[in-house]
Amino acid sequence: MRVLVADDDEIYRSLLAATLGRWGYEVTAVAGGEQALERLGTEGAPTLAILDWMMPGLTGPEVCARLRAAAGPRYTYVLLLTARHKMEDVVKGLESGADDYLTKPFDTAELRARLRAAERILALQEKLVKSRQELEELATHDPLTKLWNRRAILEMLCSEAARAKRESTSLAVVLVDVDHFKQVNDLRGHLCGDQVLREVARRMEAALRPYDVLGRFGGEEFLMTLTTESPEVVNVVAERLRAAVAAQPFAACGAEFHISVSVGVASSVPGAEPHPESLLHAADSALYRAKHEGRNRVCAATSEPHPSPLPAGAEAGASISSAPAR
């Protein structure tokens, strides 16, 4: 574990650094509060800091207060070193945001015990952060393909529609459906079907631009949103997705076979208010036409989507059910 030591007394600073080094810690030592705050604010900074109370510039409690006010993504455990023994001073140090304190001259056994307590707390904090990240991932991502899930992609669609309205730009919706996917499940089994969906998602994601957004809409359908694009560019992007899937045979469940997708595209008129529900309906109709015309192709909506805003409080796309396997 990395530890930052801040003490303007060179003897104490050197003693602490040498002691911690013998115990296996990676030590960064500085002589003042400003240096400590700067080091603790950098990426990959130590998560454990031992700060002297009295230092030139910023005192230990002042460094604590600024750390807590910044509220960075990672928690910094702070141990204050002080020659003050009065209870009101201890309370003042802890109220500044310090987690623990140790009086000078310190006992090495007590210091080691307090550092072990700090390590336990930091390990628990790391587990909590990891658990929160995993929960956020589960709430917003499809567990099979790791793309955005239906709820997240629809929220993004509504957000992009609002932005397109503010900026008087167009909004495009791209619906992608895996061709003959029911046959894959029926002939090769659902585990094979899951492998195919994961590979389809991987190939399409690899073909995206950094700012494109793609999610699993449901079943074997995928949804992509694009803003401020001309219809020609939207068609090029949609064609890139189609080609990425069809480019190479799929190897799954001990067999090799070809998979393709059909794509439906719908765009709003620049300057007009885009309605997510109408765009989804128009893209779905274009997708149906792509299926009817032979699959493995991109079709764009033949007319502008007719505005049909959702009732107040309704979720965008709530009435658009995932299409059956086509």
C-alpha atoms as a PDB file:
ATOM      1  CA  MET A   1       0.000   0.000   0.000  1.00  0.00           C
ATOM      2  CA  ARG A   2       1.170   3.494  -0.825  1.00  0.00           C
ATOM      3  CA  VAL A   3       1.321   6.055   1.974  1.00  0.00           C
ATOM      4  CA  LEU A   4       1.871   9.803   1.852  1.00  0.00           C
ATOM      5  CA  VAL A   5       3.767  11.323   4.779  1.00  0.00           C
ATOM      6  CA  ALA A   6       3.643  15.108   5.275  1.00  0.00           C
ATOM      7  CA  ASP A   7       5.744  16.641   8.046  1.00  0.00           C
ATOM      8  CA  ASP A   8       7.892  19.783   8.018  1.00  0.00           C
ATOM      9  CA  ASP A   9      10.192  18.253  10.656  1.00  0.00           C
ATOM     10  CA  GLU A  10      12.856  16.480   8.636  1.00  0.00           C
ATOM     11  CA  ILE A  11      13.740  14.112  11.493  1.00  0.00           C
ATOM     12  CA  TYR A  12      10.160  12.925  11.986  1.00  0.00           C
ATOM     13  CA  ARG A  13       9.603  12.753   8.229  1.00  0.00           C
ATOM     14  CA  SER A  14      12.690  10.599   7.699  1.00  0.00           C
ATOM     15  CA  LEU A  15      11.881   8.416  10.712  1.00  0.00           C
ATOM     16  CA  LEU A  16       8.345   7.779   9.472  1.00  0.00           C
ATOM     17  CA  ALA A  17       9.478   7.063   5.911  1.00  0.00           C
ATOM     18  CA  ALA A  18      12.143   4.605   7.091  1.00  0.00           C
ATOM     19  CA  THR A  19       9.778   2.849   9.512  1.00  0.00           C
ATOM     20  CA  LEU A  20       6.988   2.505   6.952  1.00  0.00           C
ATOM     21  CA  GLY A  21       9.466   1.317   4.349  1.00  0.00           C
ATOM     22  CA  ARG A  22      10.603  -1.506   6.636  1.00  0.00           C
ATOM     23  CA  TRP A  23       6.956  -2.535   7.038  1.00  0.00           C
ATOM     24  CA  GLY A  24       6.535  -2.859   3.279  1.00  0.00           C
ATOM     25  CA  TYR A  25       4.735   0.400   2.499  1.00  0.00           C
ATOM     26  CA  GLU A  26       5.564   2.497  -0.565  1.00  0.00           C
ATOM     27  CA  VAL A  27       6.181   5.960   0.889  1.00  0.00           C
ATOM     28  CA  THR A  28       5.941   9.432  -0.631  1.00  0.00           C
ATOM     29  CA  ALA A  29       7.257  12.086   1.762  1.00  0.00           C
ATOM     30  CA  VAL A  30       6.641  15.847   1.504  1.00  0.00           C
ATOM     31  CA  ALA A  31       7.424  18.769   3.796  1.00  0.00           C
ATOM     32  CA  GLY A  32       4.239  20.887   3.599  1.00  0.00           C
ATOM     33  CA  GLY A  33       0.476  20.930   3.393  1.00  0.00           C
ATOM     34  CA  GLU A  34       0.287  22.362  -0.129  1.00  0.00           C
ATOM     35  CA  GLN A  35       2.563  19.610  -1.443  1.00  0.00           C
ATOM     36  CA  ALA A  36       0.474  16.992   0.340  1.00  0.00           C
ATOM     37  CA  LEU A  37      -2.777  18.305  -1.112  1.00  0.00           C
ATOM     38  CA  GLU A  38      -1.267  18.440  -4.602  1.00  0.00           C
ATOM     39  CA  ARG A  39       0.032  14.849  -4.409  1.00  0.00           C
ATOM     40  CA  LEU A  40      -3.245  13.516  -3.002  1.00  0.00           C
ATOM     41  CA  GLY A  41      -5.152  15.163  -5.837  1.00  0.00           C
ATOM     42  CA  THR A  42      -3.281  13.366  -8.610  1.00  0.00           C
ATOM     43  CA  GLU A  43      -4.431  10.210 -10.395  1.00  0.00           C
ATOM     44  CA  GLY A  44      -3.303   7.065  -8.595  1.00  0.00           C
ATOM     45  CA  ALA A  45      -2.473   9.009  -5.419  1.00  0.00           C
ATOM     46  CA  PRO A  46      -1.947   7.166  -2.106  1.00  0.00           C
ATOM     47  CA  THR A  47      -5.193   6.396  -0.304  1.00  0.00           C
ATOM     48  CA  LEU A  48      -3.537   6.593   3.131  1.00  0.00           C
ATOM     49  CA  ALA A  49      -2.021   9.847   4.391  1.00  0.00           C
ATOM     50  CA  ILE A  50      -0.154  10.641   7.604  1.00  0.00           C
ATOM     51  CA  LEU A  51      -0.255  14.411   8.135  1.00  0.00           C
ATOM     52  CA  ASP A  52       1.462  16.501  10.774  1.00  0.00           C
ATOM     53  CA  TRP A  53      -0.909  18.970  12.433  1.00  0.00           C
ATOM     54  CA  MET A  54       1.376  22.009  12.286  1.00  0.00           C
ATOM     55  CA  MET A  55       2.930  22.621   8.884  1.00  0.00           C
ATOM     56  CA  PRO A  56       3.811  25.774   6.960  1.00  0.00           C
ATOM     57  CA  GLY A  57       1.137  26.930   4.510  1.00  0.00           C
ATOM     58  CA  LEU A  58      -1.705  24.466   5.064  1.00  0.00           C
ATOM     59  CA  THR A  59      -2.015  22.663   8.383  1.00  0.00           C
ATOM     60  CA  GLY A  60      -2.965  18.998   8.609  1.00  0.00           C
ATOM     61  CA  PRO A  61      -6.630  19.758   9.499  1.00  0.00           C
ATOM     62  CA  GLU A  62      -6.832  22.244   6.615  1.00  0.00           C
ATOM     63  CA  VAL A  63      -5.573  19.614   4.186  1.00  0.00           C
ATOM     64  CA  CYS A  64      -8.216  17.216   5.597  1.00  0.00           C
ATOM     65  CA  ALA A  65     -10.993  19.755   5.163  1.00  0.00           C
ATOM     66  CA  ARG A  66     -10.056  20.421   1.539  1.00  0.00           C
ATOM     67  CA  LEU A  67      -9.802  16.715   0.760  1.00  0.00           C
ATOM     68  CA  ARG A  68     -13.289  16.093   2.129  1.00  0.00           C
ATOM     69  CA  ALA A  69     -14.719  19.121   0.299  1.00  0.00           C
ATOM     70  CA  ALA A  70     -13.266  17.818  -2.988  1.00  0.00           C
ATOM     71  CA  ALA A  71     -15.008  14.439  -2.493  1.00  0.00           C
ATOM     72  CA  GLY A  72     -12.973  12.574  -5.110  1.00  0.00           C
ATOM     73  CA  PRO A  73     -13.904   9.146  -6.461  1.00  0.00           C
ATOM     74  CA  ARG A  74     -11.525   7.375  -4.075  1.00  0.00           C
ATOM     75  CA  TYR A  75     -11.467   7.845  -0.317  1.00  0.00           C
ATOM     76  CA  THR A  76      -8.280   9.012   1.413  1.00  0.00           C
ATOM     77  CA  TYR A  77      -7.804   7.757   4.963  1.00  0.00           C
ATOM     78  CA  VAL A  78      -6.074  10.461   7.030  1.00  0.00           C
ATOM     79  CA  LEU A  79      -4.085   9.916  10.214  1.00  0.00           C
ATOM     80  CA  LEU A  80      -3.147  13.155  11.997  1.00  0.00           C
ATOM     81  CA  LEU A  81       0.113  13.445  13.908  1.00  0.00           C
ATOM     82  CA  THR A  82      -0.008  16.032  16.679  1.00  0.00           C
ATOM     83  CA  ALA A  83       1.817  17.105  19.794  1.00  0.00           C
ATOM     84  CA  ARG A  84      -1.503  18.407  21.163  1.00  0.00           C
ATOM     85  CA  HIS A  85      -3.096  16.338  23.904  1.00  0.00           C
ATOM     86  CA  LYS A  86      -6.186  18.372  24.830  1.00  0.00           C
ATOM     87  CA  MET A  87      -9.515  16.776  23.980  1.00  0.00           C
ATOM     88  CA  GLU A  88     -10.806  19.906  22.222  1.00  0.00           C
ATOM     89  CA  ASP A  89      -7.813  19.758  19.868  1.00  0.00           C
ATOM     90  CA  VAL A  90      -8.463  16.091  19.114  1.00  0.00           C
ATOM     91  CA  VAL A  91     -12.131  16.853  18.422  1.00  0.00           C
ATOM     92  CA  LYS A  92     -11.143  19.744  16.141  1.00  0.00           C
ATOM     93  CA  GLY A  93      -8.833  17.477  14.144  1.00  0.00           C
ATOM     94  CA  LEU A  94     -11.458  14.760  13.725  1.00  0.00           C
ATOM     95  CA  GLU A  95     -14.135  17.291  12.785  1.00  0.00           C
ATOM     96  CA  SER A  96     -11.878  18.560   9.989  1.00  0.00           C
ATOM     97  CA  GLY A  97     -12.223  15.162   8.364  1.00  0.00           C
ATOM     98  CA  ALA A  98      -9.377  13.144   9.850  1.00  0.00           C
ATOM     99  CA  ASP A  99     -10.080   9.468  10.469  1.00  0.00           C
ATOM    100  CA  ASP A 100      -7.656   8.948  13.349  1.00  0.00           C
ATOM    101  CA  TYR A 101      -4.863  10.677  15.237  1.00  0.00           C
ATOM    102  CA  LEU A 102      -1.583   9.826  16.920  1.00  0.00           C
ATOM    103  CA  THR A 103       0.297  11.990  19.421  1.00  0.00           C
ATOM    104  CA  LYS A 104       3.977  12.811  19.197  1.00  0.00           C
ATOM    105  CA  PRO A 105       6.290  11.256  20.121  1.00  0.00           C
ATOM    106  CA  PHE A 106       4.527   8.186  18.754  1.00  0.00           C
ATOM    107  CA  ASP A 107       4.980   4.561  19.699  1.00  0.00           C
ATOM    108  CA  THR A 108       5.827   2.386  16.696  1.00  0.00           C
ATOM    109  CA  ALA A 109       3.615  -0.477  17.884  1.00  0.00           C
ATOM    110  CA  GLU A 110       0.631   1.881  18.200  1.00  0.00           C
ATOM    111  CA  LEU A 111       1.378   3.392  14.781  1.00  0.00           C
ATOM    112  CA  ARG A 112       1.445  -0.056  13.191  1.00  0.00           C
ATOM    113  CA  ALA A 113      -1.837  -1.037  14.858  1.00  0.00           C
ATOM    114  CA  ARG A 114      -3.547   2.133  13.639  1.00  0.00           C
ATOM    115  CA  LEU A 115      -2.237   1.601  10.107  1.00  0.00           C
ATOM    116  CA  ARG A 116      -3.618  -1.943  10.087  1.00  0.00           C
ATOM    117  CA  ALA A 117      -6.998  -0.545  11.129  1.00  0.00           C
ATOM    118  CA  ALA A 118      -6.733   1.954   8.278  1.00  0.00           C
ATOM    119  CA  GLU A 119      -5.948  -0.847   5.823  1.00  0.00           C
ATOM    120  CA  ARG A 120      -9.054  -2.784   6.903  1.00  0.00           C
ATOM    121  CA  ILE A 121     -11.248   0.269   6.401  1.00  0.00           C
ATOM    122  CA  LEU A 122      -9.726   1.059   3.004  1.00  0.00           C
ATOM    123  CA  ALA A 123     -10.162  -2.556   1.888  1.00  0.00           C
ATOM    124  CA  LEU A 124     -13.829  -2.382   2.883  1.00  0.00           C
ATOM    125  CA  GLN A 125     -14.171   0.937   1.035  1.00  0.00           C
ATOM    126  CA  GLU A 126     -12.653  -0.622  -2.087  1.00  0.00           C
ATOM    127  CA  LYS A 127     -15.155  -3.495  -1.906  1.00  0.00           C
ATOM    128  CA  LEU A 128     -18.044  -1.042  -1.538  1.00  0.00           C
ATOM    129  CA  VAL A 129     -16.868   0.975  -4.555  1.00  0.00           C
ATOM    130  CA  LYS A 130     -16.523  -2.196  -6.621  1.00  0.00           C
ATOM    131  CA  SER A 131     -19.990  -3.387  -5.559  1.00  0.00           C
ATOM    132  CA  ARG A 132     -21.505  -0.027  -6.487  1.00  0.00           C
ATOM    133  CA  GLN A 133     -19.844  -0.132  -9.899  1.00  0.00           C
ATOM    134  CA  GLU A 134     -21.150  -3.664 -10.467  1.00  0.00           C
ATOM    135  CA  LEU A 135     -24.679  -2.575  -9.507  1.00  0.00           C
ATOM    136  CA  GLU A 136     -24.480   0.391 -11.878  1.00  0.00           C
ATOM    137  CA  GLU A 137     -23.303  -1.953 -14.626  1.00  0.00           C
ATOM    138  CA  LEU A 138     -26.210  -4.333 -13.979  1.00  0.00           C
ATOM    139  CA  ALA A 139     -28.710  -1.467 -13.971  1.00  0.00           C
ATOM    140  CA  THR A 140     -27.615  -0.029 -17.314  1.00  0.00           C
ATOM    141  CA  HIS A 141     -26.081  -2.876 -19.334  1.00  0.00           C
ATOM    142  CA  ASP A 142     -27.389  -6.037 -20.935  1.00  0.00           C
ATOM    143  CA  PRO A 143     -25.808  -9.003 -19.114  1.00  0.00           C
ATOM    144  CA  LEU A 144     -25.436 -11.103 -22.286  1.00  0.00           C
ATOM    145  CA  THR A 145     -23.963  -8.648 -24.804  1.00  0.00           C
ATOM    146  CA  LYS A 146     -22.576  -6.023 -22.357  1.00  0.00           C
ATOM    147  CA  LEU A 147     -24.184  -3.308 -24.503  1.00  0.00           C
ATOM    148  CA  TRP A 148     -26.548  -0.713 -23.041  1.00  0.00           C
ATOM    149  CA  ASN A 149     -29.800  -2.378 -22.007  1.00  0.00           C
ATOM    150  CA  ARG A 150     -33.292  -1.444 -23.244  1.00  0.00           C
ATOM    151  CA  ARG A 151     -34.025   1.015 -20.445  1.00  0.00           C
ATOM    152  CA  ALA A 152     -30.682   2.802 -20.772  1.00  0.00           C
ATOM    153  CA  ILE A 153     -30.780   3.086 -24.571  1.00  0.00           C
ATOM    154  CA  LEU A 154     -34.337   4.435 -24.488  1.00  0.00           C
ATOM    155  CA  GLU A 155     -33.357   7.019 -21.883  1.00  0.00           C
ATOM    156  CA  MET A 156     -30.486   8.057 -24.147  1.00  0.00           C
ATOM    157  CA  LEU A 157     -32.892   8.294 -27.083  1.00  0.00           C
ATOM    158  CA  CYS A 158     -35.151  10.652 -25.122  1.00  0.00           C
ATOM    159  CA  SER A 159     -32.149  12.691 -24.010  1.00  0.00           C
ATOM    160  CA  GLU A 160     -30.855  12.961 -27.589  1.00  0.00           C
ATOM    161  CA  ALA A 161     -34.340  13.963 -28.784  1.00  0.00           C
ATOM    162  CA  ALA A 162     -34.406  16.802 -26.255  1.00  0.00           C
ATOM    163  CA  ARG A 163     -30.941  17.925 -27.345  1.00  0.00           C
ATOM    164  CA  ALA A 164     -31.875  17.766 -31.031  1.00  0.00           C
ATOM    165  CA  LYS A 165     -34.891  19.948 -30.277  1.00  0.00           C
ATOM    166  CA  ARG A 166     -32.774  22.520 -28.397  1.00  0.00           C
ATOM    167  CA  GLU A 167     -30.102  22.655 -31.086  1.00  0.00           C
ATOM    168  CA  SER A 168     -32.482  22.346 -34.075  1.00  0.00           C
ATOM    169  CA  THR A 169     -30.641  19.293 -35.406  1.00  0.00           C
ATOM    170  CA  SER A 170     -31.893  15.958 -36.683  1.00  0.00           C
ATOM    171  CA  LEU A 171     -32.140  12.708 -34.790  1.00  0.00           C
ATOM    172  CA  ALA A 172     -31.842   9.263 -36.363  1.00  0.00           C
ATOM    173  CA  VAL A 173     -32.857   5.839 -35.065  1.00  0.00           C
ATOM    174  CA  VAL A 174     -31.310   2.621 -36.394  1.00  0.00           C
ATOM    175  CA  LEU A 175     -33.000  -0.701 -35.596  1.00  0.00           C
ATOM    176  CA  VAL A 176     -31.025  -3.889 -36.249  1.00  0.00           C
ATOM    177  CA  ASP A 177     -32.527  -7.398 -36.229  1.00  0.00           C
ATOM    178  CA  VAL A 178     -30.653 -10.698 -36.629  1.00  0.00           C
ATOM    179  CA  ASP A 179     -31.977 -12.615 -39.652  1.00  0.00           C
ATOM    180  CA  HIS A 180     -33.493 -16.076 -39.130  1.00  0.00           C
ATOM    181  CA  PHE A 181     -32.493 -16.037 -35.480  1.00  0.00           C
ATOM    182  CA  LYS A 182     -35.346 -18.357 -34.495  1.00  0.00           C
ATOM    183  CA  GLN A 183     -33.787 -21.016 -36.707  1.00  0.00           C
ATOM    184  CA  VAL A 184     -30.505 -20.675 -34.820  1.00  0.00           C
ATOM    185  CA  ASN A 185     -32.266 -21.308 -31.518  1.00  0.00           C
ATOM    186  CA  ASP A 186     -34.425 -24.122 -32.903  1.00  0.00           C
ATOM    187  CA  LEU A 187     -31.683 -25.972 -34.762  1.00  0.00           C
ATOM    188  CA  ARG A 188     -28.631 -25.292 -32.616  1.00  0.00           C
ATOM    189  CA  GLY A 189     -30.052 -24.469 -29.183  1.00  0.00           C
ATOM    190  CA  HIS A 190     -30.348 -21.345 -27.078  1.00  0.00           C
ATOM    191  CA  LEU A 191     -26.767 -21.526 -25.790  1.00  0.00           C
ATOM    192  CA  CYS A 192     -25.588 -21.294 -29.395  1.00  0.00           C
ATOM    193  CA  GLY A 193     -28.052 -18.453 -29.952  1.00  0.00           C
ATOM    194  CA  ASP A 194     -26.506 -16.593 -27.011  1.00  0.00           C
ATOM    195  CA  GLN A 195     -23.047 -17.013 -28.540  1.00  0.00           C
ATOM    196  CA  VAL A 196     -24.339 -15.595 -31.823  1.00  0.00           C
ATOM    197  CA  LEU A 197     -25.879 -12.566 -30.103  1.00  0.00           C
ATOM    198  CA  ARG A 198     -22.652 -11.857 -28.234  1.00  0.00           C
ATOM    199  CA  GLU A 199     -20.636 -12.053 -31.454  1.00  0.00           C
ATOM    200  CA  VAL A 200     -23.127  -9.876 -33.370  1.00  0.00           C
ATOM    201  CA  ALA A 201     -22.889  -7.266 -30.620  1.00  0.00           C
ATOM    202  CA  ARG A 202     -19.090  -7.447 -30.610  1.00  0.00           C
ATOM    203  CA  ARG A 203     -18.819  -6.993 -34.378  1.00  0.00           C
ATOM    204  CA  MET A 204     -21.224  -4.069 -34.458  1.00  0.00           C
ATOM    205  CA  GLU A 205     -19.575  -2.369 -31.495  1.00  0.00           C
ATOM    206  CA  ALA A 206     -16.183  -2.691 -33.193  1.00  0.00           C
ATOM    207  CA  ALA A 207     -17.636  -0.926 -36.255  1.00  0.00           C
ATOM    208  CA  LEU A 208     -18.962   2.054 -34.268  1.00  0.00           C
ATOM    209  CA  ARG A 209     -17.434   5.479 -34.091  1.00  0.00           C
ATOM    210  CA  PRO A 210     -16.320   6.594 -30.582  1.00  0.00           C
ATOM    211  CA  TYR A 211     -19.424   8.745 -30.088  1.00  0.00           C
ATOM    212  CA  ASP A 212     -22.032   6.283 -31.449  1.00  0.00           C
ATOM    213  CA  VAL A 213     -24.449   4.667 -28.959  1.00  0.00           C
ATOM    214  CA  LEU A 214     -25.678   1.090 -29.379  1.00  0.00           C
ATOM    215  CA  GLY A 215     -27.890  -0.985 -27.095  1.00  0.00           C
ATOM    216  CA  ARG A 216     -29.800  -4.241 -27.017  1.00  0.00           C
ATOM    217  CA  PHE A 217     -33.443  -3.330 -27.609  1.00  0.00           C
ATOM    218  CA  GLY A 218     -34.774  -6.793 -26.841  1.00  0.00           C
ATOM    219  CA  GLY A 219     -34.393 -10.376 -28.031  1.00  0.00           C
ATOM    220  CA  GLU A 220     -32.308 -10.260 -31.206  1.00  0.00           C
ATOM    221  CA  GLU A 221     -32.966  -6.545 -31.858  1.00  0.00           C
ATOM    222  CA  PHE A 222     -30.488  -3.729 -31.327  1.00  0.00           C
ATOM    223  CA  LEU A 223     -31.071   0.027 -31.246  1.00  0.00           C
ATOM    224  CA  MET A 224     -28.688   2.810 -32.204  1.00  0.00           C
ATOM    225  CA  THR A 225     -29.204   6.577 -31.981  1.00  0.00           C
ATOM    226  CA  LEU A 226     -27.384   9.280 -33.970  1.00  0.00           C
ATOM    227  CA  THR A 227     -27.727  13.055 -33.839  1.00  0.00           C
ATOM    228  CA  THR A 228     -26.746  15.937 -36.134  1.00  0.00           C
ATOM    229  CA  GLU A 229     -26.185  13.567 -39.048  1.00  0.00           C
ATOM    230  CA  SER A 230     -27.375  13.793 -42.634  1.00  0.00           C
ATOM    231  CA  PRO A 231     -29.474  10.864 -43.922  1.00  0.00           C
ATOM    232  CA  GLU A 232     -26.572   9.868 -46.174  1.00  0.00           C
ATOM    233  CA  VAL A 233     -24.201   9.567 -43.203  1.00  0.00           C
ATOM    234  CA  VAL A 234     -26.795   7.637 -41.185  1.00  0.00           C
ATOM    235  CA  ASN A 235     -27.182   5.161 -44.045  1.00  0.00           C
ATOM    236  CA  VAL A 236     -23.405   4.756 -44.269  1.00  0.00           C
ATOM    237  CA  VAL A 237     -23.190   4.014 -40.535  1.00  0.00           C
ATOM    238  CA  ALA A 238     -26.089   1.551 -40.754  1.00  0.00           C
ATOM    239  CA  GLU A 239     -24.482  -0.175 -43.736  1.00  0.00           C
ATOM    240  CA  ARG A 240     -21.231  -0.438 -41.788  1.00  0.00           C
ATOM    241  CA  LEU A 241     -23.052  -2.315 -39.023  1.00  0.00           C
ATOM    242  CA  ARG A 242     -24.674  -4.686 -41.518  1.00  0.00           C
ATOM    243  CA  ALA A 243     -21.388  -5.373 -43.298  1.00  0.00           C
ATOM    244  CA  ALA A 244     -19.507  -5.960 -40.039  1.00  0.00           C
ATOM    245  CA  VAL A 245     -21.873  -8.781 -39.110  1.00  0.00           C
ATOM    246  CA  ALA A 246     -21.948 -10.434 -42.533  1.00  0.00           C
ATOM    247  CA  ALA A 247     -18.230 -10.114 -43.266  1.00  0.00           C
ATOM    248  CA  GLN A 248     -17.080 -13.416 -41.757  1.00  0.00           C
ATOM    249  CA  PRO A 249     -18.723 -16.754 -40.895  1.00  0.00           C
ATOM    250  CA  PHE A 250     -19.695 -17.352 -37.280  1.00  0.00           C
ATOM    251  CA  ALA A 251     -18.024 -20.144 -35.319  1.00  0.00           C
ATOM    252  CA  ALA A 252     -20.318 -21.295 -32.509  1.00  0.00           C
ATOM    253  CA  CYS A 253     -21.135 -24.587 -30.796  1.00  0.00           C
ATOM    254  CA  GLY A 254     -18.619 -26.486 -32.899  1.00  0.00           C
ATOM    255  CA  ALA A 255     -20.065 -25.313 -36.218  1.00  0.00           C
ATOM    256  CA  GLU A 256     -19.450 -22.552 -38.731  1.00  0.00           C
ATOM    257  CA  PHE A 257     -22.324 -20.724 -40.419  1.00  0.00           C
ATOM    258  CA  HIS A 258     -23.263 -17.330 -41.816  1.00  0.00           C
ATOM    259  CA  ILE A 259     -25.341 -14.760 -39.955  1.00  0.00           C
ATOM    260  CA  SER A 260     -26.708 -11.496 -41.321  1.00  0.00           C
ATOM    261  CA  VAL A 261     -28.799  -8.621 -40.012  1.00  0.00           C
ATOM    262  CA  SER A 262     -31.527  -6.433 -41.453  1.00  0.00           C
ATOM    263  CA  VAL A 263     -31.511  -2.741 -40.621  1.00  0.00           C
ATOM    264  CA  GLY A 264     -34.231  -0.088 -40.529  1.00  0.00           C
ATOM    265  CA  VAL A 265     -33.414   3.623 -40.388  1.00  0.00           C
ATOM    266  CA  ALA A 266     -35.593   6.651 -39.590  1.00  0.00           C
ATOM    267  CA  SER A 267     -34.542  10.303 -39.243  1.00  0.00           C
ATOM    268  CA  SER A 268     -36.301  13.438 -38.086  1.00  0.00           C
ATOM    269  CA  VAL A 269     -36.315  16.663 -40.087  1.00  0.00           C
ATOM    270  CA  PRO A 270     -33.617  19.141 -38.970  1.00  0.00           C
ATOM    271  CA  GLY A 271     -35.266  21.891 -36.973  1.00  0.00           C
ATOM    272  CA  ALA A 272     -38.461  19.907 -36.328  1.00  0.00           C
ATOM    273  CA  GLU A 273     -39.191  18.413 -32.923  1.00  0.00           C
ATOM    274  CA  PRO A 274     -38.161  14.731 -32.966  1.00  0.00           C
ATOM    275  CA  HIS A 275     -40.522  12.269 -31.262  1.00  0.00           C
ATOM    276  CA  PRO A 276     -38.825   9.052 -30.065  1.00  0.00           C
ATOM    277  CA  GLU A 277     -41.985   6.949 -30.343  1.00  0.00           C
ATOM    278  CA  SER A 278     -42.625   8.016 -33.930  1.00  0.00           C
ATOM    279  CA  LEU A 279     -39.008   7.428 -34.936  1.00  0.00           C
ATOM    280  CA  LEU A 280     -39.084   3.942 -33.430  1.00  0.00           C
ATOM    281  CA  HIS A 281     -42.281   3.103 -35.308  1.00  0.00           C
ATOM    282  CA  ALA A 282     -40.842   4.417 -38.579  1.00  0.00           C
ATOM    283  CA  ALA A 283     -37.547   2.531 -38.115  1.00  0.00           C
ATOM    284  CA  ASP A 284     -39.491  -0.640 -37.275  1.00  0.00           C
ATOM    285  CA  SER A 285     -41.510  -0.293 -40.485  1.00  0.00           C
ATOM    286  CA  ALA A 286     -38.298   0.191 -42.472  1.00  0.00           C
ATOM    287  CA  LEU A 287     -36.846  -2.884 -40.776  1.00  0.00           C
ATOM    288  CA  TYR A 288     -39.909  -4.927 -41.754  1.00  0.00           C
ATOM    289  CA  ARG A 289     -39.430  -3.783 -45.341  1.00  0.00           C
ATOM    290  CA  ALA A 290     -35.772  -4.871 -45.245  1.00  0.00           C
ATOM    291  CA  LYS A 291     -36.930  -8.318 -44.121  1.00  0.00           C
ATOM    292  CA  HIS A 292     -39.608  -8.459 -46.826  1.00  0.00           C
ATOM    293  CA  GLU A 293     -37.139  -7.467 -49.553  1.00  0.00           C
ATOM    294  CA  GLY A 294     -34.765 -10.322 -48.789  1.00  0.00           C
ATOM    295  CA  ARG A 295     -32.958  -9.514 -45.497  1.00  0.00           C
ATOM    296  CA  ASN A 296     -29.274  -8.638 -45.067  1.00  0.00           C
ATOM    297  CA  ARG A 297     -29.893  -5.062 -46.184  1.00  0.00           C
ATOM    298  CA  VAL A 298     -30.521  -1.512 -44.953  1.00  0.00           C
ATOM    299  CA  CYS A 299     -33.836   0.233 -45.601  1.00  0.00           C
ATOM    300  CA  ALA A 300     -34.696   3.806 -44.680  1.00  0.00           C
ATOM    301  CA  ALA A 301     -38.140   5.120 -43.786  1.00  0.00           C
ATOM    302  CA  THR A 302     -39.852   6.342 -46.955  1.00  0.00           C
ATOM    303  CA  SER A 303     -41.617   9.279 -45.297  1.00  0.00           C
ATOM    304  CA  GLU A 304     -41.051  11.622 -42.386  1.00  0.00           C
ATOM    305  CA  PRO A 305     -42.218  10.162 -39.056  1.00  0.00           C
ATOM    306  CA  HIS A 306     -45.551  11.649 -38.026  1.00  0.00           C
ATOM    307  CA  PRO A 307     -45.349  13.320 -34.594  1.00  0.00           C
ATOM    308  CA  SER A 308     -47.086  11.266 -31.922  1.00  0.00           C
ATOM    309  CA  PRO A 309     -45.741  12.373 -28.547  1.00  0.00           C
ATOM    310  CA  LEU A 310     -46.153  10.058 -25.589  1.00  0.00           C
ATOM    311  CA  PRO A 311     -48.675  10.752 -22.831  1.00  0.00           C
ATOM    312  CA  ALA A 312     -47.260  12.517 -19.798  1.00  0.00           C
ATOM    313  CA  GLY A 313     -45.318  10.133 -17.577  1.00  0.00           C
ATOM    314  CA  ALA A 314     -45.080   7.365 -20.179  1.00  0.00           C
ATOM    315  CA  GLU A 315     -41.689   5.764 -20.874  1.00  0.00           C
ATOM    316  CA  ALA A 316     -40.312   6.343 -24.341  1.00  0.00           C
ATOM    317  CA  GLY A 317     -40.652   3.173 -26.355  1.00  0.00           C
ATOM    318  CA  ALA A 318     -42.930   1.524 -23.775  1.00  0.00           C
ATOM    319  CA  SER A 319     -45.500   0.657 -26.426  1.00  0.00           C
ATOM    320  CA  ILE A 320     -42.843  -0.654 -28.825  1.00  0.00           C
ATOM    321  CA  SER A 321     -42.533  -4.314 -27.978  1.00  0.00           C
ATOM    322  CA  SER A 322     -39.594  -6.328 -29.172  1.00  0.00           C
ATOM    323  CA  ALA A 323     -40.488  -7.801 -32.534  1.00  0.00           C
ATOM    324  CA  PRO A 324     -40.734 -11.586 -32.802  1.00  0.00           C
ATOM    325  CA  ALA A 325     -37.866 -13.422 -34.419  1.00  0.00           C
ATOM    326  CA  ARG A 326     -37.913 -12.559 -38.138  1.00  0.00           C
END
